[in-house]
C-alpha atoms as a PDB file:
ATOM      1  CA  UNK A   1      -6.817   2.725   0.676  1.00  0.00           C
ATOM      2  CA  UNK A   2      -8.201   5.608  -0.962  1.00  0.00           C
ATOM      3  CA  UNK A   3     -12.274   4.496   0.921  1.00  0.00           C
ATOM      4  CA  UNK A   4      -9.330   5.004   3.862  1.00  0.00           C
ATOM      5  CA  UNK A   5      -8.108   8.269   3.242  1.00  0.00           C
ATOM      6  CA  UNK A   6     -10.921  10.112   1.390  1.00  0.00           C
ATOM      7  CA  UNK A   7     -12.683   9.474   5.241  1.00  0.00           C
ATOM      8  CA  UNK A   8      -9.823  11.343   6.910  1.00  0.00           C
ATOM      9  CA  UNK A   9      -9.546  14.121   4.029  1.00  0.00           C
ATOM     10  CA  UNK A  10     -12.835  15.134   4.750  1.00  0.00           C
ATOM     11  CA  UNK A  11     -12.776  15.491   8.450  1.00  0.00           C
ATOM     12  CA  UNK A  12      -9.367  17.348   8.082  1.00  0.00           C
ATOM     13  CA  UNK A  13     -10.985  19.614   5.527  1.00  0.00           C
ATOM     14  CA  UNK A  14     -13.875  20.807   7.641  1.00  0.00           C
ATOM     15  CA  UNK A  15     -11.164  21.385  10.606  1.00  0.00           C
ATOM     16  CA  UNK A  16      -8.998  23.473   8.052  1.00  0.00           C
ATOM     17  CA  UNK A  17     -11.289  25.185   5.752  1.00  0.00           C
ATOM     18  CA  UNK A  18      -8.893  27.738   4.716  1.00  0.00           C
ATOM     19  CA  UNK A  19      -6.358  25.052   3.093  1.00  0.00           C
ATOM     20  CA  UNK A  20      -6.870  24.041  -0.768  1.00  0.00           C
ATOM     21  CA  UNK A  21      -5.831  19.939  -1.135  1.00  0.00           C
ATOM     22  CA  UNK A  22      -4.902  18.801  -4.103  1.00  0.00           C
ATOM     23  CA  UNK A  23      -4.959  15.067  -4.471  1.00  0.00           C
ATOM     24  CA  UNK A  24      -2.426  13.413  -7.059  1.00  0.00           C
ATOM     25  CA  UNK A  25      -3.177   9.465  -7.000  1.00  0.00           C
ATOM     26  CA  UNK A  26      -0.524   8.012  -9.128  1.00  0.00           C
ATOM     27  CA  UNK A  27       1.735   5.304  -9.443  1.00  0.00           C
ATOM     28  CA  UNK A  28       4.613   7.548 -10.065  1.00  0.00           C
ATOM     29  CA  UNK A  29       7.146   7.791  -6.914  1.00  0.00           C
ATOM     30  CA  UNK A  30       7.282  12.096  -6.449  1.00  0.00           C
ATOM     31  CA  UNK A  31      10.054  14.200  -5.180  1.00  0.00           C
ATOM     32  CA  UNK A  32       8.883  15.405  -1.850  1.00  0.00           C
ATOM     33  CA  UNK A  33      12.570  16.149  -0.875  1.00  0.00           C
ATOM     34  CA  UNK A  34      13.180  18.691  -3.086  1.00  0.00           C
ATOM     35  CA  UNK A  35       9.357  20.132  -3.549  1.00  0.00           C
ATOM     36  CA  UNK A  36       7.331  18.036  -6.332  1.00  0.00           C
ATOM     37  CA  UNK A  37       4.352  17.485  -3.584  1.00  0.00           C
ATOM     38  CA  UNK A  38       4.383  18.535  -0.032  1.00  0.00           C
ATOM     39  CA  UNK A  39       3.089  15.551   1.801  1.00  0.00           C
ATOM     40  CA  UNK A  40       3.567  11.997   0.231  1.00  0.00           C
ATOM     41  CA  UNK A  41       1.870   8.551   1.539  1.00  0.00           C
ATOM     42  CA  UNK A  42       4.562   5.844   0.569  1.00  0.00           C
ATOM     43  CA  UNK A  43       4.972   2.086   1.679  1.00  0.00           C
ATOM     44  CA  UNK A  44       7.898   1.144   3.039  1.00  0.00           C
ATOM     45  CA  UNK A  45      10.653   1.635   6.208  1.00  0.00           C
ATOM     46  CA  UNK A  46      11.043   5.575   5.947  1.00  0.00           C
ATOM     47  CA  UNK A  47      14.592   5.223   5.236  1.00  0.00           C
ATOM     48  CA  UNK A  48      13.938   8.207   2.296  1.00  0.00           C
ATOM     49  CA  UNK A  49      16.649  11.021   2.717  1.00  0.00           C
ATOM     50  CA  UNK A  50      15.563  14.413   2.992  1.00  0.00           C
ATOM     51  CA  UNK A  51      12.473  13.827   4.595  1.00  0.00           C
ATOM     52  CA  UNK A  52       9.977  13.774   7.987  1.00  0.00           C
ATOM     53  CA  UNK A  53       8.920  10.671   8.424  1.00  0.00           C
ATOM     54  CA  UNK A  54       5.628   9.739   9.946  1.00  0.00           C
ATOM     55  CA  UNK A  55       4.538   6.204  10.737  1.00  0.00           C
ATOM     56  CA  UNK A  56       0.917   5.629   9.515  1.00  0.00           C
ATOM     57  CA  UNK A  57       0.293   2.261   9.912  1.00  0.00           C
ATOM     58  CA  UNK A  58       1.353  -1.667   9.767  1.00  0.00           C
ATOM     59  CA  UNK A  59       1.039  -2.897   6.179  1.00  0.00           C
ATOM     60  CA  UNK A  60       1.749  -6.415   4.831  1.00  0.00           C
ATOM     61  CA  UNK A  61       1.262  -8.240   1.231  1.00  0.00           C
ATOM     62  CA  UNK A  62      -0.969 -11.066   0.342  1.00  0.00           C
ATOM     63  CA  UNK A  63      -1.815 -13.650  -1.736  1.00  0.00           C
ATOM     64  CA  UNK A  64      -4.911 -13.384  -3.666  1.00  0.00           C
ATOM     65  CA  UNK A  65      -7.331 -14.495  -6.503  1.00  0.00           C
ATOM     66  CA  UNK A  66     -10.979 -15.344  -7.337  1.00  0.00           C
ATOM     67  CA  UNK A  67     -12.628 -17.890  -5.733  1.00  0.00           C
ATOM     68  CA  UNK A  68     -13.370 -19.713  -9.408  1.00  0.00           C
ATOM     69  CA  UNK A  69      -9.510 -20.360  -9.596  1.00  0.00           C
ATOM     70  CA  UNK A  70      -8.770 -22.129  -6.347  1.00  0.00           C
ATOM     71  CA  UNK A  71     -10.822 -25.012  -4.710  1.00  0.00           C
ATOM     72  CA  UNK A  72     -11.143 -24.745  -0.893  1.00  0.00           C
ATOM     73  CA  UNK A  73      -8.872 -27.824  -0.312  1.00  0.00           C
ATOM     74  CA  UNK A  74      -5.631 -25.900  -2.254  1.00  0.00           C
ATOM     75  CA  UNK A  75      -6.189 -22.845  -0.481  1.00  0.00           C
ATOM     76  CA  UNK A  76      -2.665 -23.409   1.659  1.00  0.00           C
ATOM     77  CA  UNK A  77      -1.026 -25.392  -0.736  1.00  0.00           C
ATOM     78  CA  UNK A  78       2.396 -24.617  -2.210  1.00  0.00           C
ATOM     79  CA  UNK A  79       1.948 -27.207  -5.001  1.00  0.00           C
ATOM     80  CA  UNK A  80      -0.961 -26.003  -6.086  1.00  0.00           C
ATOM     81  CA  UNK A  81       0.464 -22.284  -6.004  1.00  0.00           C
ATOM     82  CA  UNK A  82       3.310 -23.166  -8.297  1.00  0.00           C
ATOM     83  CA  UNK A  83       1.150 -24.518 -11.222  1.00  0.00           C
ATOM     84  CA  UNK A  84      -0.599 -21.232 -11.572  1.00  0.00           C
ATOM     85  CA  UNK A  85      -0.050 -18.103 -13.495  1.00  0.00           C
ATOM     86  CA  UNK A  86       1.447 -15.675 -11.281  1.00  0.00           C
ATOM     87  CA  UNK A  87       0.893 -11.964 -12.077  1.00  0.00           C
ATOM     88  CA  UNK A  88       3.480 -10.047 -11.581  1.00  0.00           C
ATOM     89  CA  UNK A  89       3.164  -6.146 -10.041  1.00  0.00           C
ATOM     90  CA  UNK A  90       5.812  -4.621 -12.168  1.00  0.00           C
ATOM     91  CA  UNK A  91       4.761  -0.854 -10.660  1.00  0.00           C
ATOM     92  CA  UNK A  92       8.245   0.224  -8.425  1.00  0.00           C
ATOM     93  CA  UNK A  93       8.131   0.165  -5.219  1.00  0.00           C
ATOM     94  CA  UNK A  94      11.103   1.831  -4.051  1.00  0.00           C
ATOM     95  CA  UNK A  95      12.110   0.811  -0.428  1.00  0.00           C
ATOM     96  CA  UNK A  96       8.733  -0.977   0.271  1.00  0.00           C
ATOM     97  CA  UNK A  97      10.573  -4.515   0.382  1.00  0.00           C
ATOM     98  CA  UNK A  98       7.882  -5.354  -1.508  1.00  0.00           C
ATOM     99  CA  UNK A  99       7.901  -9.088  -1.994  1.00  0.00           C
ATOM    100  CA  UNK A 100       8.323 -10.690  -5.635  1.00  0.00           C
ATOM    101  CA  UNK A 101       7.221 -14.249  -6.682  1.00  0.00           C
ATOM    102  CA  UNK A 102      10.753 -15.875  -6.529  1.00  0.00           C
ATOM    103  CA  UNK A 103      10.888 -14.848  -2.447  1.00  0.00           C
ATOM    104  CA  UNK A 104       7.842 -15.958  -1.498  1.00  0.00           C
ATOM    105  CA  UNK A 105       7.369 -19.531  -3.597  1.00  0.00           C
ATOM    106  CA  UNK A 106      10.503 -19.816  -1.987  1.00  0.00           C
ATOM    107  CA  UNK A 107       9.488 -19.053   1.675  1.00  0.00           C
ATOM    108  CA  UNK A 108       6.392 -21.267   1.227  1.00  0.00           C
ATOM    109  CA  UNK A 109       8.776 -24.082   0.132  1.00  0.00           C
ATOM    110  CA  UNK A 110       7.264 -24.140  -3.449  1.00  0.00           C
ATOM    111  CA  UNK A 111       8.692 -25.598  -6.070  1.00  0.00           C
ATOM    112  CA  UNK A 112       9.454 -23.288  -9.688  1.00  0.00           C
ATOM    113  CA  UNK A 113       6.762 -21.780 -11.162  1.00  0.00           C
ATOM    114  CA  UNK A 114       5.488 -23.905 -13.816  1.00  0.00           C
ATOM    115  CA  UNK A 115       3.353 -21.483 -15.896  1.00  0.00           C
ATOM    116  CA  UNK A 116       4.297 -18.297 -17.502  1.00  0.00           C
ATOM    117  CA  UNK A 117       3.817 -15.401 -15.944  1.00  0.00           C
ATOM    118  CA  UNK A 118       1.825 -12.426 -16.522  1.00  0.00           C
ATOM    119  CA  UNK A 119       3.450  -8.992 -15.912  1.00  0.00           C
ATOM    120  CA  UNK A 120       1.135  -5.847 -15.321  1.00  0.00           C
ATOM    121  CA  UNK A 121       2.746  -2.307 -14.524  1.00  0.00           C
ATOM    122  CA  UNK A 122      -0.183  -1.038 -12.675  1.00  0.00           C
ATOM    123  CA  UNK A 123      -1.656  -2.089  -8.984  1.00  0.00           C
ATOM    124  CA  UNK A 124      -4.973  -1.465  -9.853  1.00  0.00           C
ATOM    125  CA  UNK A 125      -4.747  -3.312 -13.257  1.00  0.00           C
ATOM    126  CA  UNK A 126      -3.073  -6.655 -11.093  1.00  0.00           C
ATOM    127  CA  UNK A 127      -5.837  -6.218  -8.628  1.00  0.00           C
ATOM    128  CA  UNK A 128      -9.075  -6.507 -11.385  1.00  0.00           C
ATOM    129  CA  UNK A 129      -6.854  -9.331 -13.572  1.00  0.00           C
ATOM    130  CA  UNK A 130      -7.344 -11.374  -9.913  1.00  0.00           C
ATOM    131  CA  UNK A 131     -10.690 -10.410  -9.915  1.00  0.00           C
ATOM    132  CA  UNK A 132     -11.315 -11.893 -13.288  1.00  0.00           C
ATOM    133  CA  UNK A 133      -9.714 -14.972 -13.009  1.00  0.00           C
ATOM    134  CA  UNK A 134      -6.596 -14.090 -14.273  1.00  0.00           C
ATOM    135  CA  UNK A 135      -3.700 -15.857 -11.958  1.00  0.00           C
ATOM    136  CA  UNK A 136      -2.541 -15.514  -8.175  1.00  0.00           C
ATOM    137  CA  UNK A 137      -1.398 -12.017  -7.031  1.00  0.00           C
ATOM    138  CA  UNK A 138       0.591 -10.126  -4.553  1.00  0.00           C
ATOM    139  CA  UNK A 139      -0.967  -7.217  -3.404  1.00  0.00           C
ATOM    140  CA  UNK A 140      -1.258  -4.922  -0.031  1.00  0.00           C
ATOM    141  CA  UNK A 141      -3.832  -6.422   2.296  1.00  0.00           C
ATOM    142  CA  UNK A 142      -5.271  -2.568   2.271  1.00  0.00           C
ATOM    143  CA  UNK A 143      -5.917  -2.359  -1.139  1.00  0.00           C
ATOM    144  CA  UNK A 144      -8.016  -5.943  -1.136  1.00  0.00           C
ATOM    145  CA  UNK A 145      -9.231  -6.134   2.248  1.00  0.00           C
ATOM    146  CA  UNK A 146     -12.393  -5.314   1.519  1.00  0.00           C
ATOM    147  CA  UNK A 147     -12.882  -7.884  -1.421  1.00  0.00           C
ATOM    148  CA  UNK A 148     -11.446 -10.335   0.687  1.00  0.00           C
ATOM    149  CA  UNK A 149     -14.548  -9.700   2.957  1.00  0.00           C
ATOM    150  CA  UNK A 150     -17.006 -10.107   0.423  1.00  0.00           C
ATOM    151  CA  UNK A 151     -15.296 -13.170  -0.791  1.00  0.00           C
ATOM    152  CA  UNK A 152     -14.534 -11.796  -4.235  1.00  0.00           C
ATOM    153  CA  UNK A 153     -11.146 -12.589  -3.544  1.00  0.00           C
ATOM    154  CA  UNK A 154      -9.502 -15.425  -1.930  1.00  0.00           C
ATOM    155  CA  UNK A 155      -6.301 -15.057   0.436  1.00  0.00           C
ATOM    156  CA  UNK A 156      -4.077 -17.964   0.105  1.00  0.00           C
ATOM    157  CA  UNK A 157      -1.336 -19.014   2.603  1.00  0.00           C
ATOM    158  CA  UNK A 158      -2.874 -16.634   5.556  1.00  0.00           C
ATOM    159  CA  UNK A 159      -1.115 -17.845   8.357  1.00  0.00           C
ATOM    160  CA  UNK A 160       2.367 -16.438   6.011  1.00  0.00           C
ATOM    161  CA  UNK A 161       3.380 -12.774   6.552  1.00  0.00           C
ATOM    162  CA  UNK A 162       4.995 -10.296   4.221  1.00  0.00           C
ATOM    163  CA  UNK A 163       5.253  -6.995   6.327  1.00  0.00           C
ATOM    164  CA  UNK A 164       5.413  -3.993   4.917  1.00  0.00           C
ATOM    165  CA  UNK A 165       4.562  -0.652   6.385  1.00  0.00           C
ATOM    166  CA  UNK A 166       3.007   2.878   5.204  1.00  0.00           C
ATOM    167  CA  UNK A 167       4.085   6.095   6.087  1.00  0.00           C
ATOM    168  CA  UNK A 168       3.945   9.854   5.989  1.00  0.00           C
ATOM    169  CA  UNK A 169       6.333  12.218   4.185  1.00  0.00           C
ATOM    170  CA  UNK A 170       6.867  15.795   4.388  1.00  0.00           C
ATOM    171  CA  UNK A 171      10.060  18.140   3.478  1.00  0.00           C
ATOM    172  CA  UNK A 172      12.519  18.926   6.816  1.00  0.00           C
ATOM    173  CA  UNK A 173      11.173  22.402   7.952  1.00  0.00           C
ATOM    174  CA  UNK A 174      15.186  23.293   8.496  1.00  0.00           C
ATOM    175  CA  UNK A 175      16.406  22.800   4.883  1.00  0.00           C
ATOM    176  CA  UNK A 176      12.904  24.120   3.684  1.00  0.00           C
ATOM    177  CA  UNK A 177      12.255  26.853   5.740  1.00  0.00           C
ATOM    178  CA  UNK A 178       8.961  26.727   8.770  1.00  0.00           C
ATOM    179  CA  UNK A 179       6.671  28.293   6.087  1.00  0.00           C
ATOM    180  CA  UNK A 180       7.214  25.131   3.687  1.00  0.00           C
ATOM    181  CA  UNK A 181       8.497  22.177   6.567  1.00  0.00           C
ATOM    182  CA  UNK A 182       6.666  20.215   8.548  1.00  0.00           C
ATOM    183  CA  UNK A 183       6.657  22.103  11.990  1.00  0.00           C
ATOM    184  CA  UNK A 184       4.009  24.289  11.108  1.00  0.00           C
ATOM    185  CA  UNK A 185       1.522  21.737   9.364  1.00  0.00           C
ATOM    186  CA  UNK A 186      -1.664  20.766  10.841  1.00  0.00           C
ATOM    187  CA  UNK A 187      -1.763  18.173  12.857  1.00  0.00           C
ATOM    188  CA  UNK A 188      -4.609  16.694  14.004  1.00  0.00           C
ATOM    189  CA  UNK A 189      -4.970  14.247  16.995  1.00  0.00           C
ATOM    190  CA  UNK A 190      -3.181  10.772  16.852  1.00  0.00           C
ATOM    191  CA  UNK A 191      -4.954   7.751  18.422  1.00  0.00           C
ATOM    192  CA  UNK A 192      -4.301   4.138  18.229  1.00  0.00           C
ATOM    193  CA  UNK A 193      -7.452   2.189  17.473  1.00  0.00           C
ATOM    194  CA  UNK A 194      -8.055  -0.339  20.192  1.00  0.00           C
ATOM    195  CA  UNK A 195      -7.111  -4.134  18.661  1.00  0.00           C
ATOM    196  CA  UNK A 196      -6.315  -2.491  15.669  1.00  0.00           C
ATOM    197  CA  UNK A 197      -2.864  -2.432  13.608  1.00  0.00           C
ATOM    198  CA  UNK A 198      -2.944   0.964  13.048  1.00  0.00           C
ATOM    199  CA  UNK A 199      -3.580   4.502  13.992  1.00  0.00           C
ATOM    200  CA  UNK A 200      -6.660   6.171  13.441  1.00  0.00           C
ATOM    201  CA  UNK A 201      -4.783   9.309  11.904  1.00  0.00           C
ATOM    202  CA  UNK A 202      -5.720  12.324  10.691  1.00  0.00           C
ATOM    203  CA  UNK A 203      -2.200  12.823   9.635  1.00  0.00           C
ATOM    204  CA  UNK A 204      -0.079  15.707   8.382  1.00  0.00           C
ATOM    205  CA  UNK A 205      -1.311  17.678   5.249  1.00  0.00           C
ATOM    206  CA  UNK A 206       0.146  21.043   3.981  1.00  0.00           C
ATOM    207  CA  UNK A 207      -1.588  23.631   2.067  1.00  0.00           C
ATOM    208  CA  UNK A 208      -1.460  22.506  -1.092  1.00  0.00           C
ATOM    209  CA  UNK A 209      -0.301  18.661  -2.848  1.00  0.00           C
ATOM    210  CA  UNK A 210      -0.747  15.209  -1.334  1.00  0.00           C
ATOM    211  CA  UNK A 211       0.606  12.585  -3.013  1.00  0.00           C
ATOM    212  CA  UNK A 212      -0.590   8.634  -2.420  1.00  0.00           C
END
């Protein structure tokens, strides 16, 4: 996500040199509705009160592990999966409908997991644990796409989908005045990438803080 965002932030800064951006990369859920940040990017359907929402891109959760862990013939095997150590991402995902291991195993028709799980409260640490061969993780595809493409991680059960969305939030202009609401935020052109899952969005950015 950060690689995707930084290129667009650079183009935004070139277009709006007078705007000073502060990027707050945190797993804490910032309260955009009450001014803790001017703009936020959240994973979910967009049903948060007190904010304006703009769809950013489609996203999905995927199952990944180290190629050292899984034999090629077991990539789509539910029985093999339930015997592995399952890495649980305990980072809060309010409103995201992020799948847990119980729902994933049920969807795959897998037996109850036999190994004890590994609980981690940091998504980046979850990815590192999967890379090091500690077990199988559920993560957002955008965060591990490059690792999958380079073969550092293997996507398991690639035919199954757990859809998510990324949404840009800003405070209601009517509730907080034109200066702080979304009405006067700079907007760059939205254009849909041909054949892609998301718009190549320069999005909405405000004069102060941006949260991820």
